[in-house]
C-alpha atoms as a PDB file:
ATOM      1  CA  MET A   1      95.964  96.167  97.406  1.00  0.00           C
ATOM      2  CA  SER A   2      97.279  99.334  95.344  1.00  0.00           C
ATOM      3  CA  SER A   3      96.728 102.194  98.227  1.00  0.00           C
ATOM      4  CA  LEU A   4      99.653 102.903 100.410  1.00  0.00           C
ATOM      5  CA  ILE A   5      97.308 102.329 103.716  1.00  0.00           C
ATOM      6  CA  ALA A   6      94.481 100.208 103.285  1.00  0.00           C
ATOM      7  CA  LEU A   7      91.833  99.047 106.142  1.00  0.00           C
ATOM      8  CA  GLU A   8      89.482  96.708 105.270  1.00  0.00           C
ATOM      9  CA  ASP A   9      86.451  96.094 107.315  1.00  0.00           C
ATOM     10  CA  VAL A  10      88.933  96.399 110.292  1.00  0.00           C
ATOM     11  CA  THR A  11      87.282  95.720 113.819  1.00  0.00           C
ATOM     12  CA  LYS A  12      89.148  96.148 117.116  1.00  0.00           C
ATOM     13  CA  THR A  13      87.958  94.833 120.625  1.00  0.00           C
ATOM     14  CA  TYR A  14      89.434  95.403 123.964  1.00  0.00           C
ATOM     15  CA  GLN A  15      88.563  93.457 126.908  1.00  0.00           C
ATOM     16  CA  MET A  16      88.173  95.520 129.979  1.00  0.00           C
ATOM     17  CA  GLY A  17      87.530  93.101 132.902  1.00  0.00           C
ATOM     18  CA  ASP A  18      84.168  91.551 132.046  1.00  0.00           C
ATOM     19  CA  VAL A  19      83.208  94.260 129.624  1.00  0.00           C
ATOM     20  CA  GLU A  20      83.987  94.135 126.065  1.00  0.00           C
ATOM     21  CA  VAL A  21      84.646  97.561 124.455  1.00  0.00           C
ATOM     22  CA  ARG A  22      84.642  97.946 120.689  1.00  0.00           C
ATOM     23  CA  ALA A  23      86.797 100.455 119.889  1.00  0.00           C
ATOM     24  CA  LEU A  24      86.636  99.981 116.042  1.00  0.00           C
ATOM     25  CA  ARG A  25      83.474  98.649 114.301  1.00  0.00           C
ATOM     26  CA  GLY A  26      84.295  97.446 110.666  1.00  0.00           C
ATOM     27  CA  VAL A  27      86.057 100.620 109.242  1.00  0.00           C
ATOM     28  CA  SER A  28      87.505 100.478 105.723  1.00  0.00           C
ATOM     29  CA  LEU A  29      89.610 103.259 104.661  1.00  0.00           C
ATOM     30  CA  SER A  30      92.296 103.621 101.873  1.00  0.00           C
ATOM     31  CA  ILE A  31      94.965 106.463 101.945  1.00  0.00           C
ATOM     32  CA  GLU A  32      97.388 107.072  98.888  1.00  0.00           C
ATOM     33  CA  LYS A  33     100.753 108.331  98.672  1.00  0.00           C
ATOM     34  CA  GLY A  34     101.336 111.808  99.328  1.00  0.00           C
ATOM     35  CA  GLU A  35      97.973 112.545 100.709  1.00  0.00           C
ATOM     36  CA  PHE A  36      97.667 114.768 103.924  1.00  0.00           C
ATOM     37  CA  VAL A  37      94.759 113.117 105.744  1.00  0.00           C
ATOM     38  CA  ALA A  38      93.234 114.624 109.312  1.00  0.00           C
ATOM     39  CA  VAL A  39      91.742 112.254 111.457  1.00  0.00           C
ATOM     40  CA  MET A  40      88.868 113.592 113.540  1.00  0.00           C
ATOM     41  CA  GLY A  41      86.568 112.302 116.211  1.00  0.00           C
ATOM     42  CA  HIS A  42      85.451 112.835 119.714  1.00  0.00           C
ATOM     43  CA  SER A  43      86.849 111.404 122.811  1.00  0.00           C
ATOM     44  CA  GLY A  44      85.829 107.593 122.556  1.00  0.00           C
ATOM     45  CA  SER A  45      85.126 107.664 118.512  1.00  0.00           C
ATOM     46  CA  GLY A  46      88.222 105.391 117.874  1.00  0.00           C
ATOM     47  CA  LYS A  47      90.610 107.703 116.128  1.00  0.00           C
ATOM     48  CA  SER A  48      93.287 106.620 118.333  1.00  0.00           C
ATOM     49  CA  THR A  49      92.793 102.950 117.925  1.00  0.00           C
ATOM     50  CA  ALA A  50      92.868 103.677 114.149  1.00  0.00           C
ATOM     51  CA  MET A  51      96.198 105.521 114.312  1.00  0.00           C
ATOM     52  CA  ASN A  52      97.687 102.622 116.376  1.00  0.00           C
ATOM     53  CA  ILE A  53      96.806 100.102 113.901  1.00  0.00           C
ATOM     54  CA  ILE A  54      98.102 102.112 111.085  1.00  0.00           C
ATOM     55  CA  GLY A  55     101.183 102.705 113.094  1.00  0.00           C
ATOM     56  CA  CYS A  56     101.582  99.195 113.624  1.00  0.00           C
ATOM     57  CA  LEU A  57     101.506  99.537 117.219  1.00  0.00           C
ATOM     58  CA  ASP A  58      98.304  97.189 117.898  1.00  0.00           C
ATOM     59  CA  ARG A  59      96.445  94.703 115.365  1.00  0.00           C
ATOM     60  CA  PRO A  60      92.983  94.309 114.382  1.00  0.00           C
ATOM     61  CA  THR A  61      90.696  92.009 115.994  1.00  0.00           C
ATOM     62  CA  ALA A  62      89.200  91.356 112.976  1.00  0.00           C
ATOM     63  CA  GLY A  63      89.493  92.538 109.295  1.00  0.00           C
ATOM     64  CA  ARG A  64      92.733  93.488 107.300  1.00  0.00           C
ATOM     65  CA  TYR A  65      95.342  95.862 106.888  1.00  0.00           C
ATOM     66  CA  TRP A  66      97.683  96.357 104.116  1.00  0.00           C
ATOM     67  CA  LEU A  67     100.892  98.948 104.320  1.00  0.00           C
ATOM     68  CA  ASP A  68     102.874  99.543 101.158  1.00  0.00           C
ATOM     69  CA  GLY A  69     101.436  96.634  99.493  1.00  0.00           C
ATOM     70  CA  VAL A  70     102.182  94.077 102.683  1.00  0.00           C
ATOM     71  CA  GLU A  71      99.348  92.798 104.676  1.00  0.00           C
ATOM     72  CA  VAL A  72     100.421  93.361 108.046  1.00  0.00           C
ATOM     73  CA  SER A  73      97.644  92.224 110.335  1.00  0.00           C
ATOM     74  CA  GLY A  74      99.027  89.033 111.214  1.00  0.00           C
ATOM     75  CA  LEU A  75     102.686  89.988 111.375  1.00  0.00           C
ATOM     76  CA  THR A  76     104.781  88.894 114.510  1.00  0.00           C
ATOM     77  CA  ARG A  77     106.099  91.753 116.661  1.00  0.00           C
ATOM     78  CA  ASP A  78     109.389  91.397 115.445  1.00  0.00           C
ATOM     79  CA  GLN A  79     107.998  91.977 112.066  1.00  0.00           C
ATOM     80  CA  LEU A  80     105.895  94.846 113.094  1.00  0.00           C
ATOM     81  CA  ALA A  81     108.694  96.511 114.437  1.00  0.00           C
ATOM     82  CA  GLY A  82     110.771  96.345 111.128  1.00  0.00           C
ATOM     83  CA  ILE A  83     107.797  97.724 109.207  1.00  0.00           C
ATOM     84  CA  ARG A  84     107.588 100.524 111.506  1.00  0.00           C
ATOM     85  CA  ASN A  85     111.035 101.346 111.336  1.00  0.00           C
ATOM     86  CA  ARG A  86     111.360 101.345 107.780  1.00  0.00           C
ATOM     87  CA  THR A  87     108.095 102.870 106.663  1.00  0.00           C
ATOM     88  CA  LEU A  88     106.836 105.024 109.715  1.00  0.00           C
ATOM     89  CA  GLY A  89     107.582 108.038 111.430  1.00  0.00           C
ATOM     90  CA  PHE A  90     106.040 109.449 114.611  1.00  0.00           C
ATOM     91  CA  VAL A  91     105.144 112.484 115.880  1.00  0.00           C
ATOM     92  CA  PHE A  92     103.239 113.324 119.148  1.00  0.00           C
ATOM     93  CA  GLN A  93     101.903 116.126 121.093  1.00  0.00           C
ATOM     94  CA  SER A  94     104.485 115.893 123.813  1.00  0.00           C
ATOM     95  CA  PHE A  95     107.525 115.847 121.425  1.00  0.00           C
ATOM     96  CA  ASN A  96     109.190 112.989 123.567  1.00  0.00           C
ATOM     97  CA  LEU A  97     112.817 114.295 123.180  1.00  0.00           C
ATOM     98  CA  LEU A  98     115.563 113.570 125.422  1.00  0.00           C
ATOM     99  CA  SER A  99     115.994 116.612 127.667  1.00  0.00           C
ATOM    100  CA  ARG A 100     119.630 116.732 128.235  1.00  0.00           C
ATOM    101  CA  THR A 101     120.496 115.604 124.772  1.00  0.00           C
ATOM    102  CA  SER A 102     121.146 117.606 121.797  1.00  0.00           C
ATOM    103  CA  ALA A 103     118.730 118.227 118.841  1.00  0.00           C
ATOM    104  CA  LEU A 104     121.208 116.108 116.710  1.00  0.00           C
ATOM    105  CA  GLU A 105     121.628 113.176 119.299  1.00  0.00           C
ATOM    106  CA  ASN A 106     117.478 113.094 119.330  1.00  0.00           C
ATOM    107  CA  VAL A 107     117.162 113.036 115.548  1.00  0.00           C
ATOM    108  CA  GLU A 108     119.993 110.397 115.468  1.00  0.00           C
ATOM    109  CA  LEU A 109     118.057 107.805 117.971  1.00  0.00           C
ATOM    110  CA  PRO A 110     116.222 105.757 115.268  1.00  0.00           C
ATOM    111  CA  LEU A 111     119.546 105.461 113.227  1.00  0.00           C
ATOM    112  CA  LEU A 112     121.168 104.241 116.508  1.00  0.00           C
ATOM    113  CA  TYR A 113     118.408 101.528 116.844  1.00  0.00           C
ATOM    114  CA  ALA A 114     118.827 100.654 113.357  1.00  0.00           C
ATOM    115  CA  GLY A 115     122.317 100.143 113.572  1.00  0.00           C
ATOM    116  CA  ALA A 116     123.785 102.473 111.554  1.00  0.00           C
ATOM    117  CA  SER A 117     127.298 104.097 111.721  1.00  0.00           C
ATOM    118  CA  ARG A 118     128.339 107.179 113.829  1.00  0.00           C
ATOM    119  CA  HIS A 119     129.168 108.941 110.699  1.00  0.00           C
ATOM    120  CA  GLU A 120     125.913 107.787 108.796  1.00  0.00           C
ATOM    121  CA  ARG A 121     123.920 109.028 112.079  1.00  0.00           C
ATOM    122  CA  HIS A 122     125.524 112.093 111.958  1.00  0.00           C
ATOM    123  CA  ALA A 123     125.259 112.830 108.245  1.00  0.00           C
ATOM    124  CA  ARG A 124     121.503 111.803 107.960  1.00  0.00           C
ATOM    125  CA  ALA A 125     120.204 113.681 111.476  1.00  0.00           C
ATOM    126  CA  LYS A 126     121.909 116.954 110.150  1.00  0.00           C
ATOM    127  CA  LYS A 127     120.297 116.630 106.787  1.00  0.00           C
ATOM    128  CA  SER A 128     116.992 116.019 108.353  1.00  0.00           C
ATOM    129  CA  LEU A 129     117.189 118.795 110.878  1.00  0.00           C
ATOM    130  CA  GLU A 130     118.192 121.246 107.850  1.00  0.00           C
ATOM    131  CA  ARG A 131     114.870 119.983 106.147  1.00  0.00           C
ATOM    132  CA  VAL A 132     112.683 121.347 108.923  1.00  0.00           C
ATOM    133  CA  GLY A 133     114.761 124.781 109.158  1.00  0.00           C
ATOM    134  CA  LEU A 134     116.979 123.970 112.135  1.00  0.00           C
ATOM    135  CA  GLY A 135     120.396 123.608 110.625  1.00  0.00           C
ATOM    136  CA  ASP A 136     121.604 126.175 113.095  1.00  0.00           C
ATOM    137  CA  ARG A 137     119.975 124.726 115.962  1.00  0.00           C
ATOM    138  CA  MET A 138     121.574 121.181 116.313  1.00  0.00           C
ATOM    139  CA  ASP A 139     123.626 121.688 119.283  1.00  0.00           C
ATOM    140  CA  HIS A 140     120.903 122.921 121.366  1.00  0.00           C
ATOM    141  CA  THR A 141     119.033 120.774 124.139  1.00  0.00           C
ATOM    142  CA  PRO A 142     115.160 120.934 124.151  1.00  0.00           C
ATOM    143  CA  SER A 143     115.487 123.535 127.115  1.00  0.00           C
ATOM    144  CA  GLN A 144     117.157 125.874 124.851  1.00  0.00           C
ATOM    145  CA  LEU A 145     114.390 125.528 121.928  1.00  0.00           C
ATOM    146  CA  SER A 146     110.887 127.011 121.652  1.00  0.00           C
ATOM    147  CA  GLY A 147     108.004 124.640 121.392  1.00  0.00           C
ATOM    148  CA  GLY A 148     107.843 124.944 117.762  1.00  0.00           C
ATOM    149  CA  GLN A 149     111.417 124.433 117.525  1.00  0.00           C
ATOM    150  CA  GLN A 150     110.855 121.166 119.874  1.00  0.00           C
ATOM    151  CA  GLN A 151     108.354 119.977 117.504  1.00  0.00           C
ATOM    152  CA  ARG A 152     110.555 120.382 114.444  1.00  0.00           C
ATOM    153  CA  VAL A 153     112.907 118.368 116.135  1.00  0.00           C
ATOM    154  CA  ALA A 154     110.463 115.519 116.462  1.00  0.00           C
ATOM    155  CA  ILE A 155     109.467 115.701 112.806  1.00  0.00           C
ATOM    156  CA  ALA A 156     113.016 115.722 112.008  1.00  0.00           C
ATOM    157  CA  ARG A 157     113.621 112.582 114.071  1.00  0.00           C
ATOM    158  CA  ALA A 158     110.490 111.163 112.190  1.00  0.00           C
ATOM    159  CA  LEU A 159     111.845 111.838 108.707  1.00  0.00           C
ATOM    160  CA  VAL A 160     115.508 110.554 109.516  1.00  0.00           C
ATOM    161  CA  ASN A 161     114.794 106.867 108.485  1.00  0.00           C
ATOM    162  CA  ASP A 162     113.008 108.435 104.986  1.00  0.00           C
ATOM    163  CA  PRO A 163     109.742 106.910 105.998  1.00  0.00           C
ATOM    164  CA  ARG A 164     106.757 106.363 103.281  1.00  0.00           C
ATOM    165  CA  VAL A 165     104.317 107.765 106.134  1.00  0.00           C
ATOM    166  CA  ILE A 166     104.339 110.360 108.968  1.00  0.00           C
ATOM    167  CA  LEU A 167     101.834 109.780 111.852  1.00  0.00           C
ATOM    168  CA  ALA A 168     101.097 112.971 113.814  1.00  0.00           C
ATOM    169  CA  ASP A 169      99.049 112.387 117.017  1.00  0.00           C
ATOM    170  CA  GLU A 170      97.853 115.882 118.143  1.00  0.00           C
ATOM    171  CA  PRO A 171     101.141 117.416 117.019  1.00  0.00           C
ATOM    172  CA  THR A 172      99.923 120.895 117.500  1.00  0.00           C
ATOM    173  CA  GLY A 173      98.244 120.429 120.796  1.00  0.00           C
ATOM    174  CA  ASN A 174     101.204 122.071 122.774  1.00  0.00           C
ATOM    175  CA  LEU A 175     101.697 124.908 120.492  1.00  0.00           C
ATOM    176  CA  ASP A 176     100.571 128.384 120.104  1.00  0.00           C
ATOM    177  CA  SER A 177      98.434 129.128 117.047  1.00  0.00           C
ATOM    178  CA  ARG A 178     101.531 130.954 114.819  1.00  0.00           C
ATOM    179  CA  THR A 179     103.508 127.949 115.671  1.00  0.00           C
ATOM    180  CA  SER A 180     100.815 125.573 114.488  1.00  0.00           C
ATOM    181  CA  VAL A 181     100.703 127.191 111.278  1.00  0.00           C
ATOM    182  CA  GLU A 182     104.408 126.668 111.295  1.00  0.00           C
ATOM    183  CA  VAL A 183     104.180 122.942 111.792  1.00  0.00           C
ATOM    184  CA  MET A 184     101.149 122.444 108.924  1.00  0.00           C
ATOM    185  CA  ALA A 185     102.892 124.355 106.509  1.00  0.00           C
ATOM    186  CA  LEU A 186     105.816 121.710 106.907  1.00  0.00           C
ATOM    187  CA  PHE A 187     103.513 118.571 106.805  1.00  0.00           C
ATOM    188  CA  GLN A 188     102.103 120.502 103.599  1.00  0.00           C
ATOM    189  CA  GLU A 189     105.457 120.725 102.187  1.00  0.00           C
ATOM    190  CA  LEU A 190     106.118 116.786 103.114  1.00  0.00           C
ATOM    191  CA  GLY A 191     102.763 115.887 101.386  1.00  0.00           C
ATOM    192  CA  ARG A 192     104.186 117.466  97.962  1.00  0.00           C
ATOM    193  CA  SER A 193     107.286 115.511  98.511  1.00  0.00           C
ATOM    194  CA  ASP A 194     105.309 112.523  98.237  1.00  0.00           C
ATOM    195  CA  ILE A 195     105.267 111.490 101.901  1.00  0.00           C
ATOM    196  CA  THR A 196     102.047 110.760 103.278  1.00  0.00           C
ATOM    197  CA  VAL A 197     100.815 112.582 106.296  1.00  0.00           C
ATOM    198  CA  VAL A 198      98.237 111.214 108.685  1.00  0.00           C
ATOM    199  CA  LEU A 199      97.341 113.526 111.567  1.00  0.00           C
ATOM    200  CA  VAL A 200      94.824 112.680 114.604  1.00  0.00           C
ATOM    201  CA  THR A 201      93.441 115.933 115.548  1.00  0.00           C
ATOM    202  CA  HIS A 202      90.265 117.368 117.441  1.00  0.00           C
ATOM    203  CA  GLU A 203      90.863 120.957 116.173  1.00  0.00           C
ATOM    204  CA  PRO A 204      88.845 122.036 113.464  1.00  0.00           C
ATOM    205  CA  ASP A 205      91.299 124.764 112.269  1.00  0.00           C
ATOM    206  CA  VAL A 206      94.102 122.420 112.078  1.00  0.00           C
ATOM    207  CA  SER A 207      92.317 120.033 109.706  1.00  0.00           C
ATOM    208  CA  THR A 208      91.651 122.603 107.031  1.00  0.00           C
ATOM    209  CA  TYR A 209      95.310 122.406 106.323  1.00  0.00           C
ATOM    210  CA  ALA A 210      94.776 118.720 105.277  1.00  0.00           C
ATOM    211  CA  GLY A 211      93.395 117.501 101.847  1.00  0.00           C
ATOM    212  CA  ARG A 212      91.279 115.003 103.205  1.00  0.00           C
ATOM    213  CA  VAL A 213      89.250 114.833 106.579  1.00  0.00           C
ATOM    214  CA  VAL A 214      88.237 111.471 107.886  1.00  0.00           C
ATOM    215  CA  VAL A 215      85.449 111.516 110.796  1.00  0.00           C
ATOM    216  CA  LEU A 216      85.233 108.610 113.127  1.00  0.00           C
ATOM    217  CA  LYS A 217      82.209 108.223 115.621  1.00  0.00           C
ATOM    218  CA  ASP A 218      81.459 105.464 117.887  1.00  0.00           C
ATOM    219  CA  GLY A 219      84.213 103.207 116.253  1.00  0.00           C
ATOM    220  CA  ARG A 220      82.528 103.884 112.479  1.00  0.00           C
ATOM    221  CA  LEU A 221      83.578 106.030 110.023  1.00  0.00           C
ATOM    222  CA  GLN A 222      81.030 108.817 109.806  1.00  0.00           C
ATOM    223  CA  SER A 223      82.662 111.061 106.816  1.00  0.00           C
ATOM    224  CA  ASP A 224      85.186 110.957 104.515  1.00  0.00           C
ATOM    225  CA  LYS A 225      85.533 114.228 102.548  1.00  0.00           C
ATOM    226  CA  ARG A 226      88.440 115.729 100.196  1.00  0.00           C
ATOM    227  CA  GLN A 227      88.911 119.425 100.388  1.00  0.00           C
ATOM    228  CA  PRO A 228      91.036 122.244  99.155  1.00  0.00           C
ATOM    229  CA  GLN A 229      94.115 122.697 101.633  1.00  0.00           C
ATOM    230  CA  ALA A 230      94.367 126.127 103.543  1.00  0.00           C
ATOM    231  CA  PRO A 231      97.586 127.931 102.741  1.00  0.00           C
ATOM    232  CA  ALA A 232      99.627 127.643 106.178  1.00  0.00           C
ATOM    233  CA  VAL A 233     100.913 131.134 105.870  1.00  0.00           C
ATOM    234  CA  LEU A 234     101.751 133.370 108.447  1.00  0.00           C
ATOM    235  CA  PRO A 235     100.888 136.978 108.626  1.00  0.00           C
ATOM    236  CA  PRO A 236     103.861 138.971 106.758  1.00  0.00           C
ATOM    237  CA  ASP A 237     104.184 141.113 110.332  1.00  0.00           C
ATOM    238  CA  GLU A 238     104.750 137.766 112.160  1.00  0.00           C
ATOM    239  CA  GLU A 239     108.243 136.297 112.604  1.00  0.00           C
ATOM    240  CA  ALA A 240     108.780 132.466 112.392  1.00  0.00           C
ATOM    241  CA  ALA A 241     109.465 130.940 116.108  1.00  0.00           C
END
């Protein structure tokens, strides 16, 4: 498979007591390097399940999944963990930052788990924070940062291992409109640097910043459309968070 992400006829079924729940029903989807894709759908549409499979957090019940040329659908847990650490970065709605830990130390965490030296962790985390515009906030704890700044710390943490793909699950859900635009501008910038961004959102206005919108319904691919990206630009009289 030449695509960076390729799902082929993927099905996911959960057993809930005596009931089988078919979360995905034969989804096929290909995503190329540098694309910014928004995945949309109502509750129960299968979008979170699809994100978990793309993120190597779950396996398909049937079908095949390739990530960066590797068929990952049948890999062991340890192998999946290695793929996640090398290839994927995750951003969540709730930021998932350690509250008593500085921005720098939060960003260092994936490198700590990867066994990087203290010097390497510090240098790479600093570079990652500078990349998201927080070079002057490295010593601040989450309580000393705005919501937008906390989300940028989370994005810096996702970037610190130089991933091929960023997976963002409702990343603007806890942000105001202005700060949401700032975060979308950052995702667009990542796309221009050939990082693939896959974003789950239920907000149509957020999806306009992506170059492609995939809609799931009842576990099936309902639509897949490319579009011009809306410019993520703040009005000139607004100040950055």
